[in-house]
C-alpha cells in the first residue's frame, strides 16, 4: 500500500525519532542545572555559560558537514556514529572530575546531536511516500518542540533529589539502549557515495558558522558592557569565511564533492520555505530566551512557576505536529502556513503590551497562541522544503535546514536580548524601577520581533506545492495552489 510503511521502515523511523528526542531533550537541560553545577565546581556564571555556548558552536560547525557524512557513511554508519558520540560525551560529562572534562563531554555530545536531526529528516524523506509524508514528518515537531520544552522540567525534577551528574546519568542508559538497537536494526536506506572529504571546506565551515554564531551570541552581552573581543570581529570574520565557503562549494559541486551542496537553493520553494522557517526560528528562540527573564525578574515568579507557564506551549506545538502533518497531506502548505505566520505575528504584537503587573494567565495565553501559530508553520515548511528536492539532495537539504536553524536561533536570541538590554537601560536611566524597566524593554524587543515576522507573512503567499518526486505523486492540492516544477536532476 502506498499509504503505509513496511514494518522494517517503521521501526527504523521510530528508533530515529526516539533517539532524536533524547539528544534534543539533553540540549536544554543545562539551563536549570547551571546553578548547582557552578556551586559544586566552583566556577562563575560566565564560565558555566560556556557549557551552552560550546554546545551551540559545535552544532553550528558540524551540521553543515552532516550532508556529506550521511552520503559517505550511509544511514547505518551515520546513526552509529551519532549515538556513539552522544553516549561517549554523556559518559564523560557524568564522570567529569572538573569543568574542563565536562566541557569536552558537552562538545562530544553536540557532535552526535548535530548529525541526528539531518539523519532523521533525510531518512523520512527517503522511506516515506509523498502521500503520507506530512503525517510522518509531523512527528519531527514533537522532537523539535516538545523535547526542548521538557528538558528544563526533567532537569529540575532530577535536581530536586539528585546531583547535577544525574542529569547526564539518567540519559546515558537510554542512549546506550538506542545505540544497541541501532546496531541491530538500522540499515542503509539510500545509496552511499565514495567522495573524499575536502579539509579546506571543513575549515571554512568551522570559521564561517562558528564565527557567525559566536558573534551573534555575544551581541546581547555586548549591549550591557564592552566585550573582550568586539562583536563585529567574529561576525565580519564569519561573513568573510562564509563567502569563501560558498565559492569553494560551487567549485566542488561540479564534481559532486561539496561538503554542503548549494544546489538545494536552486529549488525556489526550498529557499522560500527555508526563509519563512528562519524567521519563525527567530521568533521562537527570541521568545524562549526573553519570557523566563520577564517572568522571573519583572513579575517575580519562581522558576517552577516560570517553567509551568512556558511548558504548555511547547507541548502543544509538539503534539499538534502529526495532526498538522495529516492536514498538509490533504491541503498542501499555503492553507496552513499563511494562517500560522499570521497568528505568530499577532501573538508577538500582543506581547508588546506586557508590563510588570500583567497577569501570568495573560502571558500563558499569549505563549500558547504563539506556539499554536508555530505548530502550523514548521511541519508544512520542513516537508515542503525537502519535497522540492531530488532524492540525491535530501541529505544536503537537511543539513542546510539545520544550519539555518542554528544561525536563526543565534540571531533571534541576539536581536531580542540586545533590544531588551539597551531599552531597559534607557528606561532605568529615566528613573524606572528595575522590574518596570525590564518589562518595558521586553515589550520593545517584541516590537522588533513583530516587524520581522511580518516578512514571513508576506513570504508565505509565495509557497508552492512541490511537484511529484520519484516516490510517487503528491496528494490532491488546493484549487488555487500552484505546483513548482521539479528541480533538474544532478549531473553525474
Protein backbone atom coordinates (compact mmCIF):
# COMPACT_ATOMS: atom_id res chain seq x y z
CA UNK A 1 0.00 0.00 0.00
CA UNK A 2 1.28 3.46 -0.94
CA UNK A 3 -0.11 4.96 2.24
CA UNK A 4 1.54 2.50 4.65
CA UNK A 5 5.13 1.88 5.68
CA UNK A 6 6.71 -1.58 5.75
CA UNK A 7 7.34 -2.79 9.29
CA UNK A 8 11.12 -2.55 8.94
CA UNK A 9 10.95 1.06 7.72
CA UNK A 10 8.53 1.94 10.52
CA UNK A 11 10.90 0.51 13.13
CA UNK A 12 13.86 2.48 11.72
CA UNK A 13 11.96 5.78 11.73
CA UNK A 14 10.56 5.13 15.23
CA UNK A 15 14.05 4.44 16.56
CA UNK A 16 15.41 7.59 14.93
CA UNK A 17 12.54 9.65 16.38
CA UNK A 18 13.17 8.36 19.92
CA UNK A 19 16.92 8.88 19.58
CA UNK A 20 16.48 12.41 18.23
CA UNK A 21 14.04 13.19 21.07
CA UNK A 22 16.63 12.13 23.66
CA UNK A 23 19.54 14.09 22.17
CA UNK A 24 17.44 17.26 21.72
CA UNK A 25 15.98 16.90 25.22
CA UNK A 26 19.54 16.85 26.56
CA UNK A 27 20.33 20.12 24.78
CA UNK A 28 18.14 22.24 27.09
CA UNK A 29 18.82 20.54 30.43
CA UNK A 30 21.74 22.85 31.29
CA UNK A 31 19.53 25.92 31.79
CA UNK A 32 18.27 24.58 35.13
CA UNK A 33 21.37 22.58 36.10
CA UNK A 34 23.78 25.52 35.72
CA UNK A 35 23.33 26.99 39.22
CA UNK A 36 24.04 23.79 41.26
CA UNK A 37 26.80 22.88 38.81
CA UNK A 38 28.50 26.26 39.38
CA UNK A 39 28.32 25.81 43.15
CA UNK A 40 29.72 22.27 43.02
CA UNK A 41 32.60 23.02 40.62
CA UNK A 42 33.36 26.49 41.99
CA UNK A 43 33.01 28.33 38.68
CA UNK A 44 31.48 31.69 37.73
CA UNK A 45 28.33 32.18 35.66
CA UNK A 46 30.35 33.44 32.68
CA UNK A 47 32.49 30.27 32.79
CA UNK A 48 29.48 28.00 33.22
CA UNK A 49 27.74 29.61 30.26
CA UNK A 50 30.41 28.09 28.03
CA UNK A 51 28.69 24.72 28.51
CA UNK A 52 25.81 26.12 26.43
CA UNK A 53 27.92 28.27 24.10
CA UNK A 54 30.34 25.44 23.24
CA UNK A 55 27.42 23.11 22.56
CA UNK A 56 25.85 25.63 20.19
CA UNK A 57 29.15 26.37 18.43
CA UNK A 58 29.82 22.67 17.89
CA UNK A 59 26.36 22.20 16.41
CA UNK A 60 26.94 25.14 14.06
CA UNK A 61 30.23 23.67 12.86
CA UNK A 62 29.18 20.00 12.48
CA UNK A 63 25.71 20.40 10.93
CA UNK A 64 26.98 21.80 7.58
CA UNK A 65 29.12 18.67 7.21
CA UNK A 66 26.25 16.30 8.08
CA UNK A 67 25.03 16.08 4.47
CA UNK A 68 28.44 14.80 3.37
CA UNK A 69 28.62 12.41 6.35
CA UNK A 70 25.20 10.92 5.61
CA UNK A 71 26.12 10.26 1.99
CA UNK A 72 29.58 8.93 2.83
CA UNK A 73 28.66 6.75 5.84
CA UNK A 74 25.11 5.80 4.92
CA UNK A 75 22.13 5.70 7.28
CA UNK A 76 23.54 2.93 9.47
CA UNK A 77 27.05 4.37 9.76
CA UNK A 78 25.78 7.90 10.46
CA UNK A 79 23.37 6.65 13.15
CA UNK A 80 26.00 4.56 14.92
CA UNK A 81 28.46 7.48 14.78
CA UNK A 82 25.87 9.94 16.15
CA UNK A 83 24.75 7.78 19.06
CA UNK A 84 28.32 6.66 19.87
CA UNK A 85 29.44 10.29 20.09
CA UNK A 86 26.38 11.27 22.12
CA UNK A 87 26.77 8.34 24.56
CA UNK A 88 30.52 8.92 24.95
CA UNK A 89 30.00 12.63 25.60
CA UNK A 90 27.26 11.88 28.13
CA UNK A 91 29.55 9.45 29.97
CA UNK A 92 32.39 11.99 30.04
CA UNK A 93 30.05 14.67 31.40
CA UNK A 94 28.60 12.39 34.10
CA UNK A 95 32.03 11.28 35.36
CA UNK A 96 33.92 14.54 34.77
CA UNK A 97 36.28 15.43 37.64
CA UNK A 98 36.19 19.13 36.78
CA UNK A 99 34.89 21.78 34.40
CA UNK A 100 37.36 21.04 31.58
CA UNK A 101 36.24 17.42 31.19
CA UNK A 102 32.61 18.47 31.46
CA UNK A 103 33.12 20.96 28.64
CA UNK A 104 34.76 18.26 26.50
CA UNK A 105 31.82 15.98 27.20
CA UNK A 106 29.33 18.63 26.06
CA UNK A 107 31.29 19.18 22.82
CA UNK A 108 31.31 15.43 22.07
CA UNK A 109 27.58 15.26 22.88
CA UNK A 110 26.89 18.14 20.50
CA UNK A 111 28.80 16.41 17.69
CA UNK A 112 26.41 13.47 17.88
CA UNK A 113 23.35 15.69 18.26
CA UNK A 114 24.29 17.67 15.14
CA UNK A 115 24.19 14.54 12.98
CA UNK A 116 20.92 13.15 14.35
CA UNK A 117 18.34 15.70 13.12
CA UNK A 118 19.54 15.80 9.47
CA UNK A 119 19.71 11.99 9.57
CA UNK A 120 16.12 11.77 10.82
CA UNK A 121 14.71 14.12 8.18
CA UNK A 122 16.71 12.55 5.35
CA UNK A 123 15.57 9.03 6.31
CA UNK A 124 11.91 10.08 6.45
CA UNK A 125 12.16 11.71 3.03
CA UNK A 126 13.81 8.58 1.60
CA UNK A 127 11.47 5.95 3.05
CA UNK A 128 8.08 7.67 3.21
CA UNK A 129 5.88 8.12 0.11
CA UNK A 130 4.64 11.68 -0.55
CA UNK A 131 1.01 10.77 0.20
CA UNK A 132 1.76 10.34 3.95
CA UNK A 133 4.99 12.32 4.21
CA UNK A 134 3.37 15.23 6.06
CA UNK A 135 1.90 12.93 8.73
CA UNK A 136 5.24 11.22 9.39
CA UNK A 137 7.22 14.47 9.20
CA UNK A 138 4.79 15.92 11.74
CA UNK A 139 6.40 13.69 14.35
CA UNK A 140 9.60 15.69 13.88
CA UNK A 141 7.75 18.60 15.50
CA UNK A 142 7.42 16.52 18.67
CA UNK A 143 11.20 16.24 18.71
CA UNK A 144 11.85 19.89 17.88
CA UNK A 145 9.23 21.48 20.14
CA UNK A 146 8.26 19.12 22.96
CA UNK A 147 11.80 17.87 23.70
CA UNK A 148 13.30 21.35 24.33
CA UNK A 149 10.26 22.26 26.44
CA UNK A 150 10.58 19.14 28.58
CA UNK A 151 14.35 19.39 29.05
CA UNK A 152 14.36 22.03 31.82
CA UNK A 153 11.42 20.35 33.58
CA UNK A 154 13.13 16.94 33.60
CA UNK A 155 16.37 18.52 34.79
CA UNK A 156 14.52 20.27 37.62
CA UNK A 157 12.88 17.04 38.78
CA UNK A 158 16.24 15.23 38.84
CA UNK A 159 17.96 18.06 40.70
CA UNK A 160 15.28 18.02 43.40
CA UNK A 161 16.61 14.68 44.66
CA UNK A 162 19.98 14.04 42.96
CA UNK A 163 23.15 15.88 41.95
CA UNK A 164 23.71 17.52 38.57
CA UNK A 165 25.69 14.47 37.39
CA UNK A 166 22.46 12.50 37.27
CA UNK A 167 21.13 14.86 34.60
CA UNK A 168 23.62 13.04 32.37
CA UNK A 169 23.44 9.72 34.23
CA UNK A 170 19.70 9.42 33.58
CA UNK A 171 20.11 9.98 29.84
CA UNK A 172 23.12 7.67 29.38
CA UNK A 173 21.29 4.31 29.63
CA UNK A 174 18.71 5.50 27.08
CA UNK A 175 21.50 6.47 24.70
CA UNK A 176 23.23 3.11 25.11
CA UNK A 177 19.98 1.18 24.52
CA UNK A 178 19.31 3.26 21.39
CA UNK A 179 22.86 2.57 20.17
CA UNK A 180 22.39 -1.17 20.69
CA UNK A 181 19.02 -1.22 18.91
CA UNK A 182 20.53 0.79 16.05
CA UNK A 183 23.31 -1.74 15.68
CA UNK A 184 20.70 -4.49 15.40
CA UNK A 185 18.00 -2.87 13.26
CA UNK A 186 19.17 0.25 11.37
CA UNK A 187 20.18 -0.38 7.79
CA UNK A 188 21.24 1.80 4.87
CA UNK A 189 18.21 3.20 3.07
CA UNK A 190 19.96 5.22 0.35
CA UNK A 191 22.96 4.82 -1.92
CA UNK A 192 26.31 5.74 -0.38
CA UNK A 193 28.90 7.87 -2.14
CA UNK A 194 32.65 7.48 -2.05
CA UNK A 195 33.67 11.12 -2.44
CA UNK A 196 36.58 12.34 -0.34
CA UNK A 197 36.23 14.88 2.43
CA UNK A 198 37.61 18.30 1.49
CA UNK A 199 39.53 19.53 4.59
CA UNK A 200 39.55 23.13 3.33
CA UNK A 201 35.74 23.15 3.15
CA UNK A 202 35.54 21.79 6.69
CA UNK A 203 37.90 24.51 7.94
CA UNK A 204 35.93 27.24 6.16
CA UNK A 205 32.64 25.88 7.57
CA UNK A 206 34.07 25.95 11.10
CA UNK A 207 35.31 29.53 10.69
CA UNK A 208 32.15 30.76 8.93
CA UNK A 209 29.37 29.26 11.02
CA UNK A 210 31.34 29.21 14.26
CA UNK A 211 32.24 32.89 13.84
CA UNK A 212 28.69 33.93 12.99
CA UNK A 213 27.07 32.01 15.86
CA UNK A 214 29.68 33.19 18.37
CA UNK A 215 29.37 36.82 17.23
CA UNK A 216 25.58 36.80 17.27
CA UNK A 217 25.53 35.09 20.66
CA UNK A 218 27.80 37.82 22.06
CA UNK A 219 25.56 40.69 20.95
CA UNK A 220 23.25 40.51 23.94
CA UNK A 221 26.11 40.66 26.42
CA UNK A 222 27.76 43.44 24.43
CA UNK A 223 24.66 45.58 24.89
CA UNK A 224 25.37 45.64 28.64
CA UNK A 225 29.16 46.06 28.69
CA UNK A 226 32.08 46.07 26.26
CA UNK A 227 33.25 42.50 25.46
CA UNK A 228 36.89 41.49 25.34
CA UNK A 229 36.60 40.99 21.57
CA UNK A 230 34.33 43.47 19.73
CA UNK A 231 31.22 41.72 18.40
CA UNK A 232 31.82 42.86 14.84
CA UNK A 233 35.16 40.99 14.67
CA UNK A 234 33.81 37.39 14.78
CA UNK A 235 30.79 38.39 12.66
CA UNK A 236 32.94 40.02 9.98
CA UNK A 237 35.36 37.10 10.08
CA UNK A 238 32.43 34.69 9.78
CA UNK A 239 30.93 36.56 6.82
CA UNK A 240 34.29 36.54 5.00
CA UNK A 241 34.75 32.83 5.67
CA UNK A 242 31.18 32.17 4.55
CA UNK A 243 31.88 33.87 1.23
CA UNK A 244 34.95 31.66 0.75
CA UNK A 245 32.93 28.59 1.80
CA UNK A 246 30.22 29.31 -0.79
CA UNK A 247 32.86 29.83 -3.51
CA UNK A 248 34.53 26.54 -2.59
CA UNK A 249 31.26 24.57 -2.60
CA UNK A 250 30.24 25.92 -6.00
CA UNK A 251 33.56 24.71 -7.38
CA UNK A 252 33.36 21.28 -5.73
CA UNK A 253 29.71 20.54 -6.50
CA UNK A 254 30.54 20.37 -10.22
CA UNK A 255 32.21 17.06 -9.32
CA UNK A 256 29.63 16.14 -6.62
CA UNK A 257 32.30 16.62 -3.94
CA UNK A 258 30.78 19.54 -2.00
CA UNK A 259 30.67 19.39 1.78
CA UNK A 260 27.30 21.21 1.58
CA UNK A 261 25.77 21.11 -1.90
CA UNK A 262 24.31 24.57 -2.55
CA UNK A 263 22.20 23.36 -5.47
CA UNK A 264 19.44 22.85 -2.90
CA UNK A 265 18.82 26.61 -3.15
CA UNK A 266 18.08 26.40 -6.90
CA UNK A 267 14.69 24.91 -5.98
CA UNK A 268 12.67 28.10 -5.42
CA UNK A 269 10.21 26.52 -3.00
CA UNK A 270 13.06 25.21 -0.84
CA UNK A 271 14.50 28.73 -0.49
CA UNK A 272 11.12 30.32 0.26
CA UNK A 273 10.22 27.66 2.85
CA UNK A 274 13.65 27.95 4.45
CA UNK A 275 13.32 31.75 4.64
CA UNK A 276 9.97 31.51 6.42
CA UNK A 277 11.38 28.82 8.71
CA UNK A 278 14.34 31.04 9.62
CA UNK A 279 12.06 33.92 10.62
CA UNK A 280 9.91 31.53 12.66
CA UNK A 281 13.04 30.30 14.46
CA UNK A 282 14.00 33.90 15.25
CA UNK A 283 10.58 34.38 16.88
CA UNK A 284 10.67 31.06 18.76
CA UNK A 285 14.19 31.34 20.16
CA UNK A 286 13.78 35.04 20.94
CA UNK A 287 10.63 34.44 22.94
CA UNK A 288 12.15 31.39 24.67
CA UNK A 289 15.06 33.49 25.96
CA UNK A 290 13.01 36.57 26.97
CA UNK A 291 9.96 35.07 28.63
CA UNK A 292 11.80 33.35 31.52
CA UNK A 293 13.71 36.58 32.20
CA UNK A 294 10.49 38.60 32.13
CA UNK A 295 8.54 36.18 34.31
CA UNK A 296 11.24 35.83 36.97
CA UNK A 297 12.84 39.30 37.07
CA UNK A 298 9.90 41.55 36.15
CA UNK A 299 6.93 39.57 37.52
CA UNK A 300 8.92 37.99 40.40
CA UNK A 301 7.75 34.42 39.73
CA UNK A 302 9.57 31.35 40.99
CA UNK A 303 11.48 29.17 38.50
CA UNK A 304 8.89 26.38 38.89
CA UNK A 305 6.03 28.74 38.00
CA UNK A 306 8.04 30.04 35.05
CA UNK A 307 8.57 26.51 33.75
CA UNK A 308 4.88 25.69 34.10
CA UNK A 309 3.90 28.79 32.11
CA UNK A 310 6.13 28.04 29.12
CA UNK A 311 5.63 24.26 29.18
CA UNK A 312 2.06 24.05 27.75
CA UNK A 313 3.00 25.97 24.61
CA UNK A 314 5.96 23.74 23.86
CA UNK A 315 3.91 20.59 24.43
CA UNK A 316 1.07 21.91 22.27
CA UNK A 317 3.45 22.71 19.42
CA UNK A 318 4.93 19.23 19.54
CA UNK A 319 1.69 17.29 19.96
CA UNK A 320 -0.03 19.13 17.12
CA UNK A 321 2.73 18.11 14.71
CA UNK A 322 1.17 14.84 13.46
CA UNK A 323 -2.27 16.47 13.10
CA UNK A 324 -0.85 19.37 11.12
CA UNK A 325 1.10 16.85 9.05
CA UNK A 326 -2.09 14.99 8.10
CA UNK A 327 -3.71 18.31 7.14
CA UNK A 328 -0.68 19.09 4.99
CA UNK A 329 -1.11 15.79 3.13
CA UNK A 330 -4.66 16.88 2.24
CA UNK A 331 -4.42 20.62 1.53
CA UNK A 332 -0.74 21.47 0.99
CA UNK A 333 1.38 24.19 2.64
CA UNK A 334 -0.27 27.55 1.98
CA UNK A 335 -3.63 26.96 3.75
CA UNK A 336 -1.62 26.11 6.88
CA UNK A 337 1.43 28.39 6.74
CA UNK A 338 -0.42 31.63 5.89
CA UNK A 339 -2.69 31.42 9.00
CA UNK A 340 0.24 30.12 11.06
CA UNK A 341 2.54 33.04 10.30
CA UNK A 342 -0.35 35.48 10.83
CA UNK A 343 -1.15 34.05 14.27
CA UNK A 344 2.54 34.24 15.28
CA UNK A 345 2.72 37.87 14.16
CA UNK A 346 -0.44 38.72 16.16
CA UNK A 347 0.90 36.94 19.26
CA UNK A 348 4.21 38.83 19.04
CA UNK A 349 2.29 42.10 18.62
CA UNK A 350 0.25 41.28 21.74
CA UNK A 351 3.47 40.61 23.68
CA UNK A 352 4.41 44.28 23.15
CA UNK A 353 1.66 45.18 25.65
CA UNK A 354 3.04 43.16 28.59
CA UNK A 355 4.17 45.04 31.70
CA UNK A 356 5.40 44.29 35.18
CA UNK A 357 1.90 43.80 36.66
CA UNK A 358 0.47 41.79 33.77
CA UNK A 359 -1.40 38.64 34.72
CA UNK A 360 0.60 35.39 34.41
CA UNK A 361 -2.50 33.91 32.79
CA UNK A 362 -2.31 36.57 30.08
CA UNK A 363 1.33 35.65 29.38
CA UNK A 364 0.41 31.95 29.36
CA UNK A 365 -2.37 32.59 26.85
CA UNK A 366 -0.07 34.58 24.56
CA UNK A 367 2.63 31.90 24.67
CA UNK A 368 0.10 29.17 23.84
CA UNK A 369 -1.18 31.29 20.94
CA UNK A 370 2.38 31.84 19.69
CA UNK A 371 3.08 28.11 19.90
CA UNK A 372 -0.16 27.31 18.05
CA UNK A 373 0.92 29.51 15.14
CA UNK A 374 4.40 27.97 15.07
CA UNK A 375 2.85 24.48 15.05
CA UNK A 376 1.04 25.31 11.80
CA UNK A 377 4.31 26.56 10.29
CA UNK A 378 7.12 24.11 10.95
CA UNK A 379 5.76 20.73 9.78
CA UNK A 380 4.48 22.09 6.42
CA UNK A 381 7.71 24.05 5.91
CA UNK A 382 10.00 21.09 6.64
CA UNK A 383 8.02 18.83 4.34
CA UNK A 384 7.63 21.36 1.54
CA UNK A 385 11.29 22.35 1.57
CA UNK A 386 12.68 18.81 1.38
CA UNK A 387 9.99 17.55 -1.01
CA UNK A 388 11.06 20.19 -3.54
CA UNK A 389 14.48 18.48 -3.89
CA UNK A 390 15.60 15.44 -5.81
CA UNK A 391 16.26 12.45 -3.51
CA UNK A 392 20.01 12.78 -4.11
CA UNK A 393 19.93 16.18 -2.38
CA UNK A 394 17.82 15.21 0.67
CA UNK A 395 20.83 14.91 2.97
CA UNK A 396 22.26 18.27 1.88
CA UNK A 397 18.83 19.90 2.19
CA UNK A 398 18.50 18.57 5.73
CA UNK A 399 21.97 19.89 6.54
CA UNK A 400 21.09 23.31 5.11
CA UNK A 401 17.91 23.43 7.22
CA UNK A 402 19.84 22.52 10.37
CA UNK A 403 22.49 25.14 9.65
CA UNK A 404 19.94 27.88 9.10
CA UNK A 405 18.16 26.85 12.30
CA UNK A 406 21.34 27.37 14.30
CA UNK A 407 22.04 30.74 12.70
CA UNK A 408 18.43 31.89 13.07
CA UNK A 409 18.35 30.79 16.71
CA UNK A 410 21.51 32.74 17.45
CA UNK A 411 20.22 35.76 15.51
CA UNK A 412 16.85 35.69 17.27
CA UNK A 413 18.45 35.46 20.69
CA UNK A 414 20.88 38.27 19.79
CA UNK A 415 18.20 40.61 18.46
CA UNK A 416 15.73 40.13 21.31
CA UNK A 417 18.33 40.30 24.09
CA UNK A 418 20.18 43.29 22.58
CA UNK A 419 16.98 45.34 22.16
CA UNK A 420 15.71 44.35 25.61
CA UNK A 421 19.02 45.24 27.27
CA UNK A 422 19.57 48.61 25.59
CA UNK A 423 15.96 49.74 26.08
CA UNK A 424 15.85 48.53 29.70
CA UNK A 425 18.99 50.52 30.49
CA UNK A 426 17.44 53.57 28.84
CA UNK A 427 14.25 53.24 30.90
CA UNK A 428 16.29 52.76 34.08
CA UNK A 429 18.22 55.96 33.36
CA UNK A 430 14.87 57.77 33.06
CA UNK A 431 14.01 56.67 36.61
CA UNK A 432 12.01 53.48 36.10
CA UNK A 433 12.37 50.72 38.67
CA UNK A 434 14.29 47.61 37.64
CA UNK A 435 11.18 45.41 37.08
CA UNK A 436 9.38 48.14 35.12
CA UNK A 437 12.45 48.93 33.03
CA UNK A 438 12.91 45.25 32.18
CA UNK A 439 9.24 44.77 31.30
CA UNK A 440 9.28 47.82 29.01
CA UNK A 441 12.48 46.61 27.38
CA UNK A 442 10.89 43.22 26.73
CA UNK A 443 7.91 44.92 25.12
CA UNK A 444 10.18 46.92 22.82
CA UNK A 445 12.03 43.73 21.82
CA UNK A 446 8.75 42.15 20.76
CA UNK A 447 8.07 45.19 18.54
CA UNK A 448 11.14 44.22 16.53
CA UNK A 449 10.06 40.60 16.56
CA UNK A 450 6.66 41.54 15.16
CA UNK A 451 8.25 43.55 12.35
CA UNK A 452 10.49 40.63 11.37
CA UNK A 453 7.55 38.20 11.47
CA UNK A 454 5.57 40.31 9.02
CA UNK A 455 8.23 39.43 6.44
CA UNK A 456 7.37 35.75 6.93
CA UNK A 457 3.67 36.51 6.48
CA UNK A 458 4.45 38.04 3.09
CA UNK A 459 6.73 35.16 2.06
CA UNK A 460 4.07 32.58 2.97
CA UNK A 461 1.97 33.69 -0.02
CA UNK A 462 4.84 32.62 -2.31
CA UNK A 463 4.84 28.99 -1.16
CA UNK A 464 4.12 26.39 -3.83
CA UNK A 465 3.48 22.68 -3.52
CA UNK A 466 6.44 20.72 -4.87
CA UNK A 467 5.97 18.59 -7.95
CA UNK A 468 5.86 14.81 -7.81
CA UNK A 469 9.07 13.04 -6.86
CA UNK A 470 10.27 9.61 -7.98
CA UNK A 471 8.46 8.12 -4.96
CA UNK A 472 5.02 8.90 -6.37
CA UNK A 473 2.50 11.64 -6.93
CA UNK A 474 1.67 14.18 -4.21
CA UNK A 475 -1.83 14.32 -2.74
CA UNK A 476 -4.58 16.49 -4.17
CA UNK A 477 -3.67 20.15 -3.87
CA UNK A 478 -5.81 23.16 -3.08
CA UNK A 479 -7.56 24.57 -6.14
CA UNK A 480 -5.64 27.87 -6.07
CA UNK A 481 -2.26 26.39 -5.17
CA UNK A 482 0.36 26.31 -7.94
CA UNK A 483 2.82 23.46 -8.26
CA UNK A 484 6.55 24.01 -8.55
CA UNK A 485 8.38 22.36 -11.39
CA UNK A 486 10.60 19.52 -10.25
CA UNK A 487 14.26 20.57 -9.94
CA UNK A 488 16.58 19.41 -12.61
CA UNK A 489 18.39 16.13 -11.88
CA UNK A 490 22.02 16.21 -10.84
CA UNK A 491 24.66 15.69 -13.46
CA UNK A 492 26.89 12.68 -12.98
